[in-house]
């Protein structure tokens, strides 16, 4: 009887232990199943790159389509590319516009256009002028009709002060003016003679401007120094005598032509003073002529007056 009771107790104890172990194993399997469902699925990276992990849902969920994996680090460079391209395009466009502006400026300079203030671009050099003279090339302006101006009989000496006589004076810089049409300037030398001498040499070729005598020779007017010892001259040098006009009318026509082209801002008075000579010099520099600062044949040809 004792043996039976002992066996029954042993069986009951073994059954309880076995049930406890079975309960533990079932709990362990549930835990492993949950962990397996939360574990991310690993996919091989294309072209040998680093592996990218895409989290999946629990067992039974659909896997994401291959090739649609994207990350913020990959999208950021994509977003910057259009901005970089636009910046480069704008920079290139600005560079092209600047180059075009430079070409237009260079073209305006070469064609001798005048700035808004009336001052010409002074870009021509003596070398260019020498080449033009050697080749006989000068910018030919539109023909200008000769006019007759009613000028004052008294000069404005404040605007065009008188020059003083210097025996044997030569025109400064004329030794550099090449060509036959500048020979008269290279050879000019101030000479003083009395009235009889001038009459004997240039009897029928003497005119009076502002009371001062000028003599005509080889197409130019020259001051007749000594004819009247107190005669007024604003310029000591040759003045080209186109159409045999007297010196004051030649000067007035040149002033009017330069005024129309924006080079001369003063009054048309027939005086070749500092202002007029400065305007002539500006025009000559701008048109590739020697800067004689006076009225010469190439300048009048360029102006369209001859």
Foldseek 3Di string as FASTA:
>chain_A
DVVVVVVVVVVVVVVVVVVVVVVVVVVVVVVVLVVVQFDWDWDQDPPNDDTDTDRDGGPPGDDDDPPPDDDPVVVVVVVCVVVVVVVVVVVVVVVVVVVVVVVVVVVCLLVFADDPQLFTDQDADLVLQQVCQVVVHFAFDAADDQDDDDADLADDCVQQPFDDDDFQDAQPPLVSADHPQSVQRRPDGDDADEQVVCCVVAVPAWDAGSRFIWGDDPQWTAGHDHPDVPDGASDHGTAGQPPVDPQLSSLLSLLVLLVVSSLADDDSHSHLGPRQLNSLQSSQSSGSHPSSSHHTDSSCRNSNHD
